[in-house]
């Protein structure tokens, strides 16, 4: 919205409309990264772990619910914005809590799938079976550890979704800690794990150093745990985000220890990233062993034939998605366009 103003086509711009349009797409874009991760978790990781996908219909339902619920949630980023009625923010609160449900389905389905593999490898007990997963496979280790940290990110996200508790952590370091557990771990670490079989497949060369890959995976997990936990704590103590905090005159003494931990965790992750790129590049240019076979797709305990018909019809879900978007955003955007549209002249700051 700055372009028409800059070209002289309008007398001003509209920051509130710009923010609303940004978050209209900004939150769904996260799923462009997350859903490919889910595809790997559903279709490849169970087989890599020696098991089977627990439920194909549940996976289908989860993806369809993401389609319907991932867009009408943007106002949870704008709870403190003036100019938007509280009632519409409450509508987006409802949808934001609702989109947590398909994540719960994914958690249950994937963990149950991993359990089938671990028990096939001799795992026993309620929890001890977890140790029987193939932790020596860096691709599996990366994605399972990504799942573990993502669970904490999802729980913390409920605070962001809450209309009341969000006010405590809004625009603080807590938010940075949250999205480093989701995008920075669930997505990033999973993508790293995927490339540990994908790059050998594309190059025809075996992974250069399996042990180095495992070290890299655990370093990223350890670094992110320290990094994110410290940021969550700093946010609860009120440290703002998007601020050159090291130069701020209002920095609090009790923040300094946690800020040091943020630096330590970030350094560990930086070392992990260097090891990752080193291993990938050397796989491409220096590995001499042939690549192993690409992982096969996982079979399902409850397969596609068990899915009800309504999970195979995409059109009703697309219509429902469009209805939810119109209900959640239509009145808000019409109100913004009808009141002071593109008339904010701004301030000269130099």
C-alpha atoms as a PDB file:
ATOM      1  CA  UNK A   1       0.000   0.000   0.000  1.00  0.00           C
ATOM      2  CA  UNK A   2       3.032   2.290   0.016  1.00  0.00           C
ATOM      3  CA  UNK A   3       3.372   2.077  -3.779  1.00  0.00           C
ATOM      4  CA  UNK A   4       0.205   4.028  -4.736  1.00  0.00           C
ATOM      5  CA  UNK A   5       1.089   6.646  -2.110  1.00  0.00           C
ATOM      6  CA  UNK A   6       4.680   6.893  -3.372  1.00  0.00           C
ATOM      7  CA  UNK A   7       3.431   7.350  -6.952  1.00  0.00           C
ATOM      8  CA  UNK A   8       1.051  10.100  -5.893  1.00  0.00           C
ATOM      9  CA  UNK A   9      -2.079   8.151  -6.753  1.00  0.00           C
ATOM     10  CA  UNK A  10      -3.445   8.515  -3.198  1.00  0.00           C
ATOM     11  CA  UNK A  11      -3.170  11.182  -0.515  1.00  0.00           C
ATOM     12  CA  UNK A  12      -1.847   8.699   2.033  1.00  0.00           C
ATOM     13  CA  UNK A  13      -1.566   5.054   3.001  1.00  0.00           C
ATOM     14  CA  UNK A  14      -3.343   2.756   5.455  1.00  0.00           C
ATOM     15  CA  UNK A  15      -1.167   0.975   8.061  1.00  0.00           C
ATOM     16  CA  UNK A  16      -4.048  -0.953   9.648  1.00  0.00           C
ATOM     17  CA  UNK A  17      -5.252  -2.302   6.308  1.00  0.00           C
ATOM     18  CA  UNK A  18      -1.672  -3.168   5.353  1.00  0.00           C
ATOM     19  CA  UNK A  19      -1.162  -5.108   8.591  1.00  0.00           C
ATOM     20  CA  UNK A  20      -4.473  -6.916   8.164  1.00  0.00           C
ATOM     21  CA  UNK A  21      -3.719  -7.921   4.579  1.00  0.00           C
ATOM     22  CA  UNK A  22      -0.229  -9.027   5.644  1.00  0.00           C
ATOM     23  CA  UNK A  23      -1.542 -11.368   8.339  1.00  0.00           C
ATOM     24  CA  UNK A  24      -4.377 -12.505   6.064  1.00  0.00           C
ATOM     25  CA  UNK A  25      -1.667 -14.375   4.151  1.00  0.00           C
ATOM     26  CA  UNK A  26       1.163 -14.328   6.699  1.00  0.00           C
ATOM     27  CA  UNK A  27      -0.128 -17.102   8.943  1.00  0.00           C
ATOM     28  CA  UNK A  28      -1.250 -19.475   6.133  1.00  0.00           C
ATOM     29  CA  UNK A  29       2.185 -19.102   4.540  1.00  0.00           C
ATOM     30  CA  UNK A  30       3.631 -20.886   7.582  1.00  0.00           C
ATOM     31  CA  UNK A  31       1.774 -23.995   6.441  1.00  0.00           C
ATOM     32  CA  UNK A  32       3.544 -23.865   3.080  1.00  0.00           C
ATOM     33  CA  UNK A  33       6.624 -24.895   5.103  1.00  0.00           C
ATOM     34  CA  UNK A  34       4.912 -27.031   7.726  1.00  0.00           C
ATOM     35  CA  UNK A  35       2.747 -29.229   5.491  1.00  0.00           C
ATOM     36  CA  UNK A  36       5.715 -30.629   3.499  1.00  0.00           C
ATOM     37  CA  UNK A  37       7.185 -31.543   6.880  1.00  0.00           C
ATOM     38  CA  UNK A  38       3.941 -33.276   7.822  1.00  0.00           C
ATOM     39  CA  UNK A  39       4.019 -35.167   4.517  1.00  0.00           C
ATOM     40  CA  UNK A  40       7.419 -36.596   5.443  1.00  0.00           C
ATOM     41  CA  UNK A  41       6.246 -37.411   8.970  1.00  0.00           C
ATOM     42  CA  UNK A  42       3.207 -39.239   7.626  1.00  0.00           C
ATOM     43  CA  UNK A  43       4.519 -40.977   4.511  1.00  0.00           C
ATOM     44  CA  UNK A  44       8.214 -41.679   5.146  1.00  0.00           C
ATOM     45  CA  UNK A  45       9.208 -41.529   8.821  1.00  0.00           C
ATOM     46  CA  UNK A  46       6.973 -44.446   9.947  1.00  0.00           C
ATOM     47  CA  UNK A  47       8.608 -46.691   7.317  1.00  0.00           C
ATOM     48  CA  UNK A  48      12.088 -45.389   8.178  1.00  0.00           C
ATOM     49  CA  UNK A  49      11.351 -46.245  11.815  1.00  0.00           C
ATOM     50  CA  UNK A  50      10.371 -49.782  10.836  1.00  0.00           C
ATOM     51  CA  UNK A  51       6.631 -49.350  11.329  1.00  0.00           C
ATOM     52  CA  UNK A  52       3.435 -48.368   9.559  1.00  0.00           C
ATOM     53  CA  UNK A  53       1.270 -45.252   9.440  1.00  0.00           C
ATOM     54  CA  UNK A  54      -1.370 -45.619  12.135  1.00  0.00           C
ATOM     55  CA  UNK A  55      -4.300 -44.062  10.234  1.00  0.00           C
ATOM     56  CA  UNK A  56      -4.517 -42.821   6.654  1.00  0.00           C
ATOM     57  CA  UNK A  57      -8.057 -41.375   7.156  1.00  0.00           C
ATOM     58  CA  UNK A  58      -6.891 -39.404  10.183  1.00  0.00           C
ATOM     59  CA  UNK A  59      -4.035 -37.944   8.141  1.00  0.00           C
ATOM     60  CA  UNK A  60      -6.480 -36.915   5.402  1.00  0.00           C
ATOM     61  CA  UNK A  61      -8.785 -35.284   7.942  1.00  0.00           C
ATOM     62  CA  UNK A  62      -5.862 -33.382   9.447  1.00  0.00           C
ATOM     63  CA  UNK A  63      -4.796 -31.934   6.087  1.00  0.00           C
ATOM     64  CA  UNK A  64      -8.361 -30.937   5.182  1.00  0.00           C
ATOM     65  CA  UNK A  65      -8.832 -29.203   8.534  1.00  0.00           C
ATOM     66  CA  UNK A  66      -5.626 -27.247   7.952  1.00  0.00           C
ATOM     67  CA  UNK A  67      -7.051 -26.156   4.594  1.00  0.00           C
ATOM     68  CA  UNK A  68     -10.241 -24.893   6.226  1.00  0.00           C
ATOM     69  CA  UNK A  69      -8.860 -23.393   9.429  1.00  0.00           C
ATOM     70  CA  UNK A  70      -5.420 -21.996   8.610  1.00  0.00           C
ATOM     71  CA  UNK A  71      -6.549 -18.709   7.006  1.00  0.00           C
ATOM     72  CA  UNK A  72      -9.251 -17.068   9.224  1.00  0.00           C
ATOM     73  CA  UNK A  73      -6.828 -16.729  12.163  1.00  0.00           C
ATOM     74  CA  UNK A  74      -4.741 -13.654  11.284  1.00  0.00           C
ATOM     75  CA  UNK A  75      -6.151 -11.302  13.912  1.00  0.00           C
ATOM     76  CA  UNK A  76      -4.459 -13.235  16.699  1.00  0.00           C
ATOM     77  CA  UNK A  77      -1.393 -11.284  15.546  1.00  0.00           C
ATOM     78  CA  UNK A  78      -3.382  -8.053  15.937  1.00  0.00           C
ATOM     79  CA  UNK A  79      -5.057  -8.360  19.339  1.00  0.00           C
ATOM     80  CA  UNK A  80      -3.564  -5.026  20.412  1.00  0.00           C
ATOM     81  CA  UNK A  81      -4.293  -3.175  17.147  1.00  0.00           C
ATOM     82  CA  UNK A  82      -6.832  -0.341  17.457  1.00  0.00           C
ATOM     83  CA  UNK A  83      -9.527   0.104  14.832  1.00  0.00           C
ATOM     84  CA  UNK A  84     -10.713  -3.522  14.863  1.00  0.00           C
ATOM     85  CA  UNK A  85     -13.767  -4.464  16.913  1.00  0.00           C
ATOM     86  CA  UNK A  86     -13.109  -6.878  19.766  1.00  0.00           C
ATOM     87  CA  UNK A  87     -15.888  -9.169  18.559  1.00  0.00           C
ATOM     88  CA  UNK A  88     -14.040  -9.919  15.327  1.00  0.00           C
ATOM     89  CA  UNK A  89     -10.850 -10.564  17.261  1.00  0.00           C
ATOM     90  CA  UNK A  90     -12.828 -13.089  19.309  1.00  0.00           C
ATOM     91  CA  UNK A  91     -13.957 -14.837  16.101  1.00  0.00           C
ATOM     92  CA  UNK A  92     -10.319 -15.220  15.069  1.00  0.00           C
ATOM     93  CA  UNK A  93      -9.507 -16.459  18.585  1.00  0.00           C
ATOM     94  CA  UNK A  94     -12.006 -19.280  18.079  1.00  0.00           C
ATOM     95  CA  UNK A  95     -10.510 -20.244  14.721  1.00  0.00           C
ATOM     96  CA  UNK A  96      -6.967 -20.081  16.131  1.00  0.00           C
ATOM     97  CA  UNK A  97      -7.829 -22.520  18.898  1.00  0.00           C
ATOM     98  CA  UNK A  98      -9.637 -24.692  16.336  1.00  0.00           C
ATOM     99  CA  UNK A  99      -6.544 -24.974  14.106  1.00  0.00           C
ATOM    100  CA  UNK A 100      -4.762 -26.565  17.070  1.00  0.00           C
ATOM    101  CA  UNK A 101      -7.021 -29.618  16.675  1.00  0.00           C
ATOM    102  CA  UNK A 102      -5.492 -30.965  13.416  1.00  0.00           C
ATOM    103  CA  UNK A 103      -2.077 -30.567  15.053  1.00  0.00           C
ATOM    104  CA  UNK A 104      -3.299 -32.796  17.885  1.00  0.00           C
ATOM    105  CA  UNK A 105      -4.483 -35.339  15.311  1.00  0.00           C
ATOM    106  CA  UNK A 106      -1.041 -35.235  13.714  1.00  0.00           C
ATOM    107  CA  UNK A 107       0.696 -35.681  17.069  1.00  0.00           C
ATOM    108  CA  UNK A 108      -1.423 -38.713  17.962  1.00  0.00           C
ATOM    109  CA  UNK A 109      -1.150 -40.287  14.505  1.00  0.00           C
ATOM    110  CA  UNK A 110       2.602 -39.847  14.097  1.00  0.00           C
ATOM    111  CA  UNK A 111       3.475 -40.961  17.642  1.00  0.00           C
ATOM    112  CA  UNK A 112       1.276 -44.049  17.239  1.00  0.00           C
ATOM    113  CA  UNK A 113       3.036 -44.768  13.935  1.00  0.00           C
ATOM    114  CA  UNK A 114       6.456 -44.454  15.565  1.00  0.00           C
ATOM    115  CA  UNK A 115       5.324 -46.782  18.335  1.00  0.00           C
ATOM    116  CA  UNK A 116       4.465 -49.506  15.820  1.00  0.00           C
ATOM    117  CA  UNK A 117       8.020 -49.298  14.492  1.00  0.00           C
ATOM    118  CA  UNK A 118       9.653 -49.243  17.911  1.00  0.00           C
ATOM    119  CA  UNK A 119       7.633 -52.210  19.164  1.00  0.00           C
ATOM    120  CA  UNK A 120       8.505 -54.141  16.009  1.00  0.00           C
ATOM    121  CA  UNK A 121      12.139 -53.547  16.991  1.00  0.00           C
ATOM    122  CA  UNK A 122      11.555 -54.948  20.487  1.00  0.00           C
ATOM    123  CA  UNK A 123      10.346 -51.862  22.330  1.00  0.00           C
ATOM    124  CA  UNK A 124       8.222 -52.398  25.436  1.00  0.00           C
ATOM    125  CA  UNK A 125       6.415 -50.440  28.126  1.00  0.00           C
ATOM    126  CA  UNK A 126       4.483 -47.176  27.941  1.00  0.00           C
ATOM    127  CA  UNK A 127       7.541 -45.000  27.280  1.00  0.00           C
ATOM    128  CA  UNK A 128      10.608 -47.257  27.096  1.00  0.00           C
ATOM    129  CA  UNK A 129       9.710 -48.223  23.507  1.00  0.00           C
ATOM    130  CA  UNK A 130      10.828 -44.730  22.484  1.00  0.00           C
ATOM    131  CA  UNK A 131      14.441 -45.775  22.962  1.00  0.00           C
ATOM    132  CA  UNK A 132      14.059 -48.522  20.336  1.00  0.00           C
ATOM    133  CA  UNK A 133      13.591 -46.065  17.484  1.00  0.00           C
ATOM    134  CA  UNK A 134      16.492 -46.079  14.965  1.00  0.00           C
ATOM    135  CA  UNK A 135      18.414 -43.224  16.588  1.00  0.00           C
ATOM    136  CA  UNK A 136      21.483 -44.133  14.549  1.00  0.00           C
ATOM    137  CA  UNK A 137      19.732 -42.908  11.397  1.00  0.00           C
ATOM    138  CA  UNK A 138      20.281 -39.114  11.215  1.00  0.00           C
ATOM    139  CA  UNK A 139      17.210 -38.662   9.026  1.00  0.00           C
ATOM    140  CA  UNK A 140      14.945 -40.297  11.599  1.00  0.00           C
ATOM    141  CA  UNK A 141      16.696 -38.734  14.596  1.00  0.00           C
ATOM    142  CA  UNK A 142      16.365 -35.236  13.125  1.00  0.00           C
ATOM    143  CA  UNK A 143      12.656 -35.555  12.455  1.00  0.00           C
ATOM    144  CA  UNK A 144      11.751 -37.239  15.742  1.00  0.00           C
ATOM    145  CA  UNK A 145      13.655 -34.597  17.720  1.00  0.00           C
ATOM    146  CA  UNK A 146      11.922 -31.937  15.620  1.00  0.00           C
ATOM    147  CA  UNK A 147       8.585 -33.458  16.637  1.00  0.00           C
ATOM    148  CA  UNK A 148       9.514 -33.334  20.319  1.00  0.00           C
ATOM    149  CA  UNK A 149      10.444 -29.657  20.289  1.00  0.00           C
ATOM    150  CA  UNK A 150       7.462 -28.855  18.072  1.00  0.00           C
ATOM    151  CA  UNK A 151       5.158 -30.225  20.779  1.00  0.00           C
ATOM    152  CA  UNK A 152       6.425 -27.547  23.170  1.00  0.00           C
ATOM    153  CA  UNK A 153       6.034 -24.928  20.451  1.00  0.00           C
ATOM    154  CA  UNK A 154       2.422 -25.960  19.949  1.00  0.00           C
ATOM    155  CA  UNK A 155       1.639 -25.755  23.647  1.00  0.00           C
ATOM    156  CA  UNK A 156       3.241 -22.313  23.859  1.00  0.00           C
ATOM    157  CA  UNK A 157       1.236 -21.255  20.820  1.00  0.00           C
ATOM    158  CA  UNK A 158      -1.970 -21.634  22.828  1.00  0.00           C
ATOM    159  CA  UNK A 159      -0.821 -18.676  24.922  1.00  0.00           C
ATOM    160  CA  UNK A 160      -0.373 -16.633  21.752  1.00  0.00           C
ATOM    161  CA  UNK A 161      -3.879 -17.653  20.675  1.00  0.00           C
ATOM    162  CA  UNK A 162      -5.528 -16.624  23.940  1.00  0.00           C
ATOM    163  CA  UNK A 163      -7.151 -13.180  23.763  1.00  0.00           C
ATOM    164  CA  UNK A 164      -6.159 -12.494  27.381  1.00  0.00           C
ATOM    165  CA  UNK A 165      -2.815 -14.252  27.924  1.00  0.00           C
ATOM    166  CA  UNK A 166      -1.506 -12.939  24.604  1.00  0.00           C
ATOM    167  CA  UNK A 167      -1.391  -9.467  26.160  1.00  0.00           C
ATOM    168  CA  UNK A 168       1.350 -10.679  28.521  1.00  0.00           C
ATOM    169  CA  UNK A 169       3.682 -11.915  25.789  1.00  0.00           C
ATOM    170  CA  UNK A 170       2.679  -9.740  22.811  1.00  0.00           C
ATOM    171  CA  UNK A 171       5.718  -8.275  21.027  1.00  0.00           C
ATOM    172  CA  UNK A 172       8.111  -9.797  23.554  1.00  0.00           C
ATOM    173  CA  UNK A 173      10.989 -12.244  23.139  1.00  0.00           C
ATOM    174  CA  UNK A 174       8.494 -15.015  23.958  1.00  0.00           C
ATOM    175  CA  UNK A 175       7.188 -14.822  20.381  1.00  0.00           C
ATOM    176  CA  UNK A 176      10.699 -15.269  18.992  1.00  0.00           C
ATOM    177  CA  UNK A 177      11.192 -18.341  21.158  1.00  0.00           C
ATOM    178  CA  UNK A 178       7.864 -19.724  19.968  1.00  0.00           C
ATOM    179  CA  UNK A 179       8.463 -19.528  16.236  1.00  0.00           C
ATOM    180  CA  UNK A 180      11.984 -20.888  16.614  1.00  0.00           C
ATOM    181  CA  UNK A 181      10.411 -24.067  18.025  1.00  0.00           C
ATOM    182  CA  UNK A 182       7.902 -24.258  15.168  1.00  0.00           C
ATOM    183  CA  UNK A 183       9.499 -22.923  11.992  1.00  0.00           C
ATOM    184  CA  UNK A 184      13.071 -23.057  13.319  1.00  0.00           C
ATOM    185  CA  UNK A 185      12.861 -26.652  14.527  1.00  0.00           C
ATOM    186  CA  UNK A 186       9.807 -28.568  13.316  1.00  0.00           C
ATOM    187  CA  UNK A 187      10.416 -27.305   9.777  1.00  0.00           C
ATOM    188  CA  UNK A 188      14.150 -26.565   9.636  1.00  0.00           C
ATOM    189  CA  UNK A 189      15.443 -29.622  11.497  1.00  0.00           C
ATOM    190  CA  UNK A 190      13.019 -31.881   9.630  1.00  0.00           C
ATOM    191  CA  UNK A 191      14.192 -30.465   6.301  1.00  0.00           C
ATOM    192  CA  UNK A 192      17.770 -31.163   7.385  1.00  0.00           C
ATOM    193  CA  UNK A 193      16.808 -34.743   8.191  1.00  0.00           C
ATOM    194  CA  UNK A 194      15.035 -35.132   4.854  1.00  0.00           C
ATOM    195  CA  UNK A 195      18.102 -33.947   2.951  1.00  0.00           C
ATOM    196  CA  UNK A 196      20.186 -36.625   4.665  1.00  0.00           C
ATOM    197  CA  UNK A 197      18.460 -39.159   2.387  1.00  0.00           C
ATOM    198  CA  UNK A 198      17.387 -36.812  -0.424  1.00  0.00           C
ATOM    199  CA  UNK A 199      20.858 -35.436  -1.279  1.00  0.00           C
ATOM    200  CA  UNK A 200      22.378 -38.948  -1.544  1.00  0.00           C
ATOM    201  CA  UNK A 201      19.426 -39.938  -3.724  1.00  0.00           C
ATOM    202  CA  UNK A 202      19.887 -36.933  -6.040  1.00  0.00           C
ATOM    203  CA  UNK A 203      23.671 -37.256  -6.263  1.00  0.00           C
ATOM    204  CA  UNK A 204      23.901 -41.049  -6.270  1.00  0.00           C
ATOM    205  CA  UNK A 205      26.495 -40.812  -3.472  1.00  0.00           C
ATOM    206  CA  UNK A 206      26.157 -42.023   0.109  1.00  0.00           C
ATOM    207  CA  UNK A 207      26.092 -39.489   2.927  1.00  0.00           C
ATOM    208  CA  UNK A 208      29.675 -38.386   3.514  1.00  0.00           C
ATOM    209  CA  UNK A 209      29.713 -38.918   7.289  1.00  0.00           C
ATOM    210  CA  UNK A 210      26.790 -40.460   9.152  1.00  0.00           C
ATOM    211  CA  UNK A 211      28.324 -39.803  12.578  1.00  0.00           C
ATOM    212  CA  UNK A 212      28.842 -36.117  11.794  1.00  0.00           C
ATOM    213  CA  UNK A 213      25.198 -35.898  10.732  1.00  0.00           C
ATOM    214  CA  UNK A 214      24.094 -37.321  14.080  1.00  0.00           C
ATOM    215  CA  UNK A 215      26.315 -34.854  15.949  1.00  0.00           C
ATOM    216  CA  UNK A 216      24.811 -32.026  13.884  1.00  0.00           C
ATOM    217  CA  UNK A 217      21.248 -33.115  14.685  1.00  0.00           C
ATOM    218  CA  UNK A 218      21.831 -33.325  18.424  1.00  0.00           C
ATOM    219  CA  UNK A 219      23.747 -30.036  18.471  1.00  0.00           C
ATOM    220  CA  UNK A 220      20.828 -28.266  16.776  1.00  0.00           C
ATOM    221  CA  UNK A 221      18.406 -29.797  19.282  1.00  0.00           C
ATOM    222  CA  UNK A 222      20.538 -28.832  22.281  1.00  0.00           C
ATOM    223  CA  UNK A 223      21.210 -25.337  20.982  1.00  0.00           C
ATOM    224  CA  UNK A 224      17.561 -24.713  20.170  1.00  0.00           C
ATOM    225  CA  UNK A 225      16.449 -25.977  23.576  1.00  0.00           C
ATOM    226  CA  UNK A 226      18.717 -23.491  25.354  1.00  0.00           C
ATOM    227  CA  UNK A 227      18.009 -20.685  22.873  1.00  0.00           C
ATOM    228  CA  UNK A 228      14.231 -21.002  22.897  1.00  0.00           C
ATOM    229  CA  UNK A 229      13.823 -21.638  26.623  1.00  0.00           C
ATOM    230  CA  UNK A 230      15.805 -18.492  27.404  1.00  0.00           C
ATOM    231  CA  UNK A 231      13.737 -16.419  24.961  1.00  0.00           C
ATOM    232  CA  UNK A 232      10.480 -17.693  26.446  1.00  0.00           C
ATOM    233  CA  UNK A 233      11.702 -16.716  29.908  1.00  0.00           C
ATOM    234  CA  UNK A 234      12.825 -13.276  28.713  1.00  0.00           C
ATOM    235  CA  UNK A 235       9.426 -12.705  27.155  1.00  0.00           C
ATOM    236  CA  UNK A 236       7.685 -13.570  30.403  1.00  0.00           C
ATOM    237  CA  UNK A 237       9.942 -10.999  32.062  1.00  0.00           C
ATOM    238  CA  UNK A 238       8.822  -8.359  29.550  1.00  0.00           C
ATOM    239  CA  UNK A 239      11.848  -8.045  27.260  1.00  0.00           C
ATOM    240  CA  UNK A 240      10.612  -6.619  23.928  1.00  0.00           C
ATOM    241  CA  UNK A 241      11.360  -8.092  20.523  1.00  0.00           C
ATOM    242  CA  UNK A 242      12.411  -6.156  17.389  1.00  0.00           C
ATOM    243  CA  UNK A 243      14.657  -3.992  19.548  1.00  0.00           C
ATOM    244  CA  UNK A 244      18.410  -3.416  19.663  1.00  0.00           C
ATOM    245  CA  UNK A 245      18.211  -4.550  23.246  1.00  0.00           C
ATOM    246  CA  UNK A 246      21.972  -4.555  23.879  1.00  0.00           C
ATOM    247  CA  UNK A 247      21.954  -0.761  23.343  1.00  0.00           C
ATOM    248  CA  UNK A 248      18.739  -0.083  25.278  1.00  0.00           C
ATOM    249  CA  UNK A 249      19.015   2.089  28.389  1.00  0.00           C
ATOM    250  CA  UNK A 250      16.137   0.244  30.054  1.00  0.00           C
ATOM    251  CA  UNK A 251      17.751  -3.211  29.963  1.00  0.00           C
ATOM    252  CA  UNK A 252      17.042  -5.063  33.213  1.00  0.00           C
ATOM    253  CA  UNK A 253      19.807  -6.793  35.219  1.00  0.00           C
ATOM    254  CA  UNK A 254      17.746  -9.991  35.501  1.00  0.00           C
ATOM    255  CA  UNK A 255      17.683 -10.284  31.704  1.00  0.00           C
ATOM    256  CA  UNK A 256      21.436 -10.622  31.316  1.00  0.00           C
ATOM    257  CA  UNK A 257      21.822 -14.289  32.292  1.00  0.00           C
ATOM    258  CA  UNK A 258      19.077 -15.373  29.905  1.00  0.00           C
ATOM    259  CA  UNK A 259      20.518 -13.161  27.141  1.00  0.00           C
ATOM    260  CA  UNK A 260      23.829 -14.972  27.606  1.00  0.00           C
ATOM    261  CA  UNK A 261      22.018 -18.302  27.236  1.00  0.00           C
ATOM    262  CA  UNK A 262      20.397 -17.036  24.032  1.00  0.00           C
ATOM    263  CA  UNK A 263      23.878 -16.291  22.704  1.00  0.00           C
ATOM    264  CA  UNK A 264      25.196 -19.707  23.753  1.00  0.00           C
ATOM    265  CA  UNK A 265      22.253 -21.529  22.188  1.00  0.00           C
ATOM    266  CA  UNK A 266      22.534 -19.511  18.979  1.00  0.00           C
ATOM    267  CA  UNK A 267      26.260 -20.249  18.760  1.00  0.00           C
ATOM    268  CA  UNK A 268      25.643 -23.984  19.147  1.00  0.00           C
ATOM    269  CA  UNK A 269      23.058 -23.846  16.354  1.00  0.00           C
ATOM    270  CA  UNK A 270      25.465 -21.897  14.140  1.00  0.00           C
ATOM    271  CA  UNK A 271      28.100 -24.616  14.613  1.00  0.00           C
ATOM    272  CA  UNK A 272      25.434 -27.223  13.851  1.00  0.00           C
ATOM    273  CA  UNK A 273      24.491 -25.399  10.633  1.00  0.00           C
ATOM    274  CA  UNK A 274      28.140 -25.313   9.546  1.00  0.00           C
ATOM    275  CA  UNK A 275      28.435 -29.067  10.116  1.00  0.00           C
ATOM    276  CA  UNK A 276      25.247 -29.615   8.141  1.00  0.00           C
ATOM    277  CA  UNK A 277      26.430 -27.683   5.094  1.00  0.00           C
ATOM    278  CA  UNK A 278      29.886 -29.284   5.345  1.00  0.00           C
ATOM    279  CA  UNK A 279      28.361 -32.766   5.290  1.00  0.00           C
ATOM    280  CA  UNK A 280      25.998 -31.987   2.422  1.00  0.00           C
ATOM    281  CA  UNK A 281      28.714 -30.378   0.274  1.00  0.00           C
ATOM    282  CA  UNK A 282      31.193 -33.188   0.919  1.00  0.00           C
ATOM    283  CA  UNK A 283      28.500 -35.733   0.083  1.00  0.00           C
ATOM    284  CA  UNK A 284      28.202 -34.029  -3.284  1.00  0.00           C
ATOM    285  CA  UNK A 285      31.907 -33.626  -4.069  1.00  0.00           C
ATOM    286  CA  UNK A 286      33.844 -36.170  -2.003  1.00  0.00           C
ATOM    287  CA  UNK A 287      31.709 -39.215  -1.187  1.00  0.00           C
ATOM    288  CA  UNK A 288      32.699 -42.318  -3.136  1.00  0.00           C
ATOM    289  CA  UNK A 289      30.179 -44.854  -1.821  1.00  0.00           C
ATOM    290  CA  UNK A 290      26.942 -45.465  -3.757  1.00  0.00           C
ATOM    291  CA  UNK A 291      23.759 -44.081  -2.249  1.00  0.00           C
ATOM    292  CA  UNK A 292      21.447 -46.465  -0.392  1.00  0.00           C
ATOM    293  CA  UNK A 293      17.921 -47.034  -1.634  1.00  0.00           C
ATOM    294  CA  UNK A 294      15.480 -44.174  -1.172  1.00  0.00           C
ATOM    295  CA  UNK A 295      13.022 -44.694   1.729  1.00  0.00           C
ATOM    296  CA  UNK A 296       9.783 -46.322   0.625  1.00  0.00           C
ATOM    297  CA  UNK A 297       6.380 -44.887   1.438  1.00  0.00           C
ATOM    298  CA  UNK A 298       4.813 -46.167   4.627  1.00  0.00           C
ATOM    299  CA  UNK A 299       1.901 -48.558   4.481  1.00  0.00           C
ATOM    300  CA  UNK A 300      -1.027 -47.814   6.781  1.00  0.00           C
ATOM    301  CA  UNK A 301      -2.620 -49.921   9.504  1.00  0.00           C
ATOM    302  CA  UNK A 302      -5.893 -48.198   8.625  1.00  0.00           C
ATOM    303  CA  UNK A 303      -5.595 -47.511   4.908  1.00  0.00           C
ATOM    304  CA  UNK A 304      -7.272 -45.344   2.301  1.00  0.00           C
ATOM    305  CA  UNK A 305     -10.052 -47.908   1.850  1.00  0.00           C
ATOM    306  CA  UNK A 306     -11.162 -47.194   5.419  1.00  0.00           C
ATOM    307  CA  UNK A 307     -11.626 -43.473   4.737  1.00  0.00           C
ATOM    308  CA  UNK A 308     -15.206 -42.180   4.483  1.00  0.00           C
ATOM    309  CA  UNK A 309     -16.291 -40.683   1.178  1.00  0.00           C
ATOM    310  CA  UNK A 310     -16.371 -37.115   2.527  1.00  0.00           C
ATOM    311  CA  UNK A 311     -12.590 -37.227   2.972  1.00  0.00           C
ATOM    312  CA  UNK A 312     -12.140 -37.828  -0.765  1.00  0.00           C
ATOM    313  CA  UNK A 313     -14.198 -34.862  -1.968  1.00  0.00           C
ATOM    314  CA  UNK A 314     -12.179 -31.661  -2.013  1.00  0.00           C
ATOM    315  CA  UNK A 315     -14.829 -29.264  -3.347  1.00  0.00           C
ATOM    316  CA  UNK A 316     -17.012 -29.094  -0.179  1.00  0.00           C
ATOM    317  CA  UNK A 317     -13.930 -28.342   1.896  1.00  0.00           C
ATOM    318  CA  UNK A 318     -12.881 -25.561  -0.488  1.00  0.00           C
ATOM    319  CA  UNK A 319     -16.378 -24.060  -0.289  1.00  0.00           C
ATOM    320  CA  UNK A 320     -16.344 -24.266   3.512  1.00  0.00           C
ATOM    321  CA  UNK A 321     -12.899 -22.652   3.569  1.00  0.00           C
ATOM    322  CA  UNK A 322     -14.135 -19.768   1.394  1.00  0.00           C
ATOM    323  CA  UNK A 323     -17.173 -19.274   3.657  1.00  0.00           C
ATOM    324  CA  UNK A 324     -15.013 -19.119   6.791  1.00  0.00           C
ATOM    325  CA  UNK A 325     -12.665 -16.593   5.150  1.00  0.00           C
ATOM    326  CA  UNK A 326     -15.579 -14.385   4.060  1.00  0.00           C
ATOM    327  CA  UNK A 327     -17.146 -14.507   7.517  1.00  0.00           C
ATOM    328  CA  UNK A 328     -13.871 -13.830   9.347  1.00  0.00           C
ATOM    329  CA  UNK A 329     -12.439 -11.144   7.051  1.00  0.00           C
ATOM    330  CA  UNK A 330     -15.242  -9.725   4.885  1.00  0.00           C
ATOM    331  CA  UNK A 331     -16.843  -7.331   7.411  1.00  0.00           C
ATOM    332  CA  UNK A 332     -13.425  -6.249   8.743  1.00  0.00           C
ATOM    333  CA  UNK A 333     -12.027  -5.325   5.330  1.00  0.00           C
ATOM    334  CA  UNK A 334     -15.253  -3.588   4.274  1.00  0.00           C
ATOM    335  CA  UNK A 335     -15.158  -1.471   7.430  1.00  0.00           C
ATOM    336  CA  UNK A 336     -11.523  -0.501   6.830  1.00  0.00           C
ATOM    337  CA  UNK A 337     -12.154   0.449   3.213  1.00  0.00           C
ATOM    338  CA  UNK A 338     -15.193   2.495   4.227  1.00  0.00           C
ATOM    339  CA  UNK A 339     -13.450   4.566   6.911  1.00  0.00           C
ATOM    340  CA  UNK A 340     -10.422   6.713   6.075  1.00  0.00           C
ATOM    341  CA  UNK A 341      -9.173   4.446   3.316  1.00  0.00           C
ATOM    342  CA  UNK A 342      -5.639   5.391   2.201  1.00  0.00           C
ATOM    343  CA  UNK A 343      -5.722   8.761   3.997  1.00  0.00           C
ATOM    344  CA  UNK A 344      -2.949   8.358   6.588  1.00  0.00           C
ATOM    345  CA  UNK A 345      -0.228  10.815   5.586  1.00  0.00           C
ATOM    346  CA  UNK A 346       2.440   9.525   7.961  1.00  0.00           C
ATOM    347  CA  UNK A 347       5.231  11.395   9.736  1.00  0.00           C
ATOM    348  CA  UNK A 348       8.519  12.802   8.538  1.00  0.00           C
ATOM    349  CA  UNK A 349      11.187  11.192  10.736  1.00  0.00           C
ATOM    350  CA  UNK A 350      14.303  12.868   9.366  1.00  0.00           C
END
